[in-house]
Amino acid sequence: MGDETTGTEAVVYAACVNCGEPTEYPESVKGSTLCPVCEWHEAQRTACSG
């Protein structure tokens, strides 16, 4: 059995720095975090156009 977790620990997700929606990253992640929608928009803005 050992040191297995029971899954009762709640993960608190960081808020998106653009819109405030929950992200896929825990609050312990360093740097600016974006929700999936804002990540997609950011990727579209920074993608090579040609």
N, C-alpha and C. Protein backbone atom coordinates (compact mmCIF):
# COMPACT_ATOMS: atom_id res chain seq x y z
N MET A 1 0.82 -1.18 0.00
CA MET A 1 0.00 0.00 0.00
C MET A 1 0.87 1.25 0.00
N GLY A 2 1.72 1.45 0.93
CA GLY A 2 2.71 2.52 0.87
C GLY A 2 2.15 3.92 1.05
N ASP A 3 2.72 4.85 0.29
CA ASP A 3 2.39 6.27 0.42
C ASP A 3 1.42 6.74 -0.66
N GLU A 4 0.46 5.95 -1.01
CA GLU A 4 -0.49 6.34 -2.05
C GLU A 4 -1.42 7.43 -1.52
N THR A 5 -1.78 8.35 -2.39
CA THR A 5 -2.72 9.39 -1.99
C THR A 5 -4.14 8.89 -2.23
N THR A 6 -5.05 9.38 -1.43
CA THR A 6 -6.43 8.93 -1.54
C THR A 6 -7.25 9.79 -2.48
N GLY A 7 -6.67 10.86 -3.00
CA GLY A 7 -7.39 11.73 -3.92
C GLY A 7 -8.26 12.75 -3.22
N THR A 8 -8.11 12.89 -1.91
CA THR A 8 -8.95 13.84 -1.18
C THR A 8 -8.35 15.24 -1.13
N GLU A 9 -7.10 15.39 -1.61
CA GLU A 9 -6.47 16.71 -1.60
C GLU A 9 -7.05 17.55 -2.72
N ALA A 10 -7.59 18.71 -2.38
CA ALA A 10 -8.18 19.59 -3.38
C ALA A 10 -7.09 20.45 -4.00
N VAL A 11 -7.09 20.50 -5.32
CA VAL A 11 -6.13 21.34 -6.03
C VAL A 11 -6.79 22.67 -6.32
N VAL A 12 -6.13 23.76 -5.92
CA VAL A 12 -6.65 25.09 -6.19
C VAL A 12 -5.98 25.59 -7.46
N TYR A 13 -6.78 25.88 -8.48
CA TYR A 13 -6.25 26.30 -9.77
C TYR A 13 -6.08 27.81 -9.81
N ALA A 14 -5.03 28.23 -10.48
CA ALA A 14 -4.74 29.65 -10.62
C ALA A 14 -5.77 30.30 -11.54
N ALA A 15 -6.00 31.59 -11.32
CA ALA A 15 -6.91 32.35 -12.18
C ALA A 15 -6.15 32.88 -13.39
N CYS A 16 -6.82 32.94 -14.51
CA CYS A 16 -6.23 33.47 -15.73
C CYS A 16 -5.90 34.95 -15.53
N VAL A 17 -4.72 35.37 -15.98
CA VAL A 17 -4.31 36.76 -15.79
C VAL A 17 -5.07 37.70 -16.74
N ASN A 18 -5.71 37.15 -17.78
CA ASN A 18 -6.46 37.99 -18.71
C ASN A 18 -7.93 38.12 -18.33
N CYS A 19 -8.59 36.99 -18.08
CA CYS A 19 -10.04 37.03 -17.88
C CYS A 19 -10.49 36.60 -16.49
N GLY A 20 -9.60 36.00 -15.71
CA GLY A 20 -9.96 35.59 -14.35
C GLY A 20 -10.58 34.21 -14.24
N GLU A 21 -10.79 33.53 -15.37
CA GLU A 21 -11.34 32.17 -15.33
C GLU A 21 -10.31 31.20 -14.77
N PRO A 22 -10.74 30.06 -14.24
CA PRO A 22 -9.78 29.07 -13.74
C PRO A 22 -8.92 28.53 -14.87
N THR A 23 -7.66 28.26 -14.58
CA THR A 23 -6.75 27.69 -15.57
C THR A 23 -6.58 26.21 -15.31
N GLU A 24 -5.73 25.57 -16.08
CA GLU A 24 -5.42 24.16 -15.88
C GLU A 24 -4.21 23.99 -14.98
N TYR A 25 -3.72 25.08 -14.42
CA TYR A 25 -2.49 25.06 -13.62
C TYR A 25 -2.79 25.33 -12.15
N PRO A 26 -2.12 24.62 -11.24
CA PRO A 26 -2.30 24.91 -9.82
C PRO A 26 -1.73 26.28 -9.46
N GLU A 27 -2.18 26.84 -8.36
CA GLU A 27 -1.73 28.17 -7.94
C GLU A 27 -0.23 28.21 -7.66
N SER A 28 0.40 27.06 -7.45
CA SER A 28 1.82 27.02 -7.15
C SER A 28 2.70 27.27 -8.38
N VAL A 29 2.10 27.28 -9.58
CA VAL A 29 2.86 27.51 -10.81
C VAL A 29 3.32 28.96 -10.86
N LYS A 30 4.60 29.15 -11.17
CA LYS A 30 5.16 30.50 -11.25
C LYS A 30 4.86 31.10 -12.63
N GLY A 31 4.79 32.42 -12.68
CA GLY A 31 4.59 33.12 -13.95
C GLY A 31 3.12 33.40 -14.22
N SER A 32 2.86 34.00 -15.36
CA SER A 32 1.49 34.34 -15.72
C SER A 32 0.79 33.11 -16.29
N THR A 33 -0.38 32.82 -15.77
CA THR A 33 -1.13 31.66 -16.21
C THR A 33 -2.34 32.12 -17.02
N LEU A 34 -2.66 31.36 -18.04
CA LEU A 34 -3.78 31.66 -18.91
C LEU A 34 -4.73 30.47 -18.96
N CYS A 35 -6.03 30.76 -19.10
CA CYS A 35 -7.01 29.70 -19.27
C CYS A 35 -6.86 29.15 -20.69
N PRO A 36 -7.44 27.99 -20.99
CA PRO A 36 -7.29 27.41 -22.33
C PRO A 36 -7.72 28.35 -23.46
N VAL A 37 -8.79 29.10 -23.26
CA VAL A 37 -9.26 30.02 -24.30
C VAL A 37 -8.25 31.13 -24.54
N CYS A 38 -7.75 31.75 -23.48
CA CYS A 38 -6.78 32.83 -23.62
C CYS A 38 -5.45 32.31 -24.16
N GLU A 39 -5.07 31.07 -23.78
CA GLU A 39 -3.86 30.46 -24.35
C GLU A 39 -4.00 30.32 -25.85
N TRP A 40 -5.18 29.90 -26.30
CA TRP A 40 -5.41 29.73 -27.73
C TRP A 40 -5.35 31.08 -28.44
N HIS A 41 -5.98 32.09 -27.86
CA HIS A 41 -5.94 33.43 -28.46
C HIS A 41 -4.51 33.96 -28.52
N GLU A 42 -3.74 33.75 -27.47
CA GLU A 42 -2.34 34.19 -27.45
C GLU A 42 -1.54 33.47 -28.52
N ALA A 43 -1.78 32.18 -28.70
CA ALA A 43 -1.07 31.42 -29.73
C ALA A 43 -1.43 31.96 -31.12
N GLN A 44 -2.68 32.32 -31.32
CA GLN A 44 -3.10 32.88 -32.61
C GLN A 44 -2.43 34.22 -32.88
N ARG A 45 -2.29 35.04 -31.84
CA ARG A 45 -1.66 36.36 -32.01
C ARG A 45 -0.18 36.26 -32.31
N THR A 46 0.48 35.27 -31.72
CA THR A 46 1.93 35.18 -31.87
C THR A 46 2.37 34.20 -32.95
N ALA A 47 1.44 33.53 -33.61
CA ALA A 47 1.80 32.56 -34.63
C ALA A 47 2.38 33.26 -35.86
N CYS A 48 3.24 32.56 -36.53
CA CYS A 48 3.83 33.08 -37.78
C CYS A 48 2.74 33.14 -38.84
N SER A 49 2.62 34.26 -39.50
CA SER A 49 1.56 34.43 -40.48
C SER A 49 1.97 33.99 -41.87
N GLY A 50 3.17 33.52 -42.02
CA GLY A 50 3.42 33.16 -43.37
C GLY A 50 4.61 32.52 -43.77
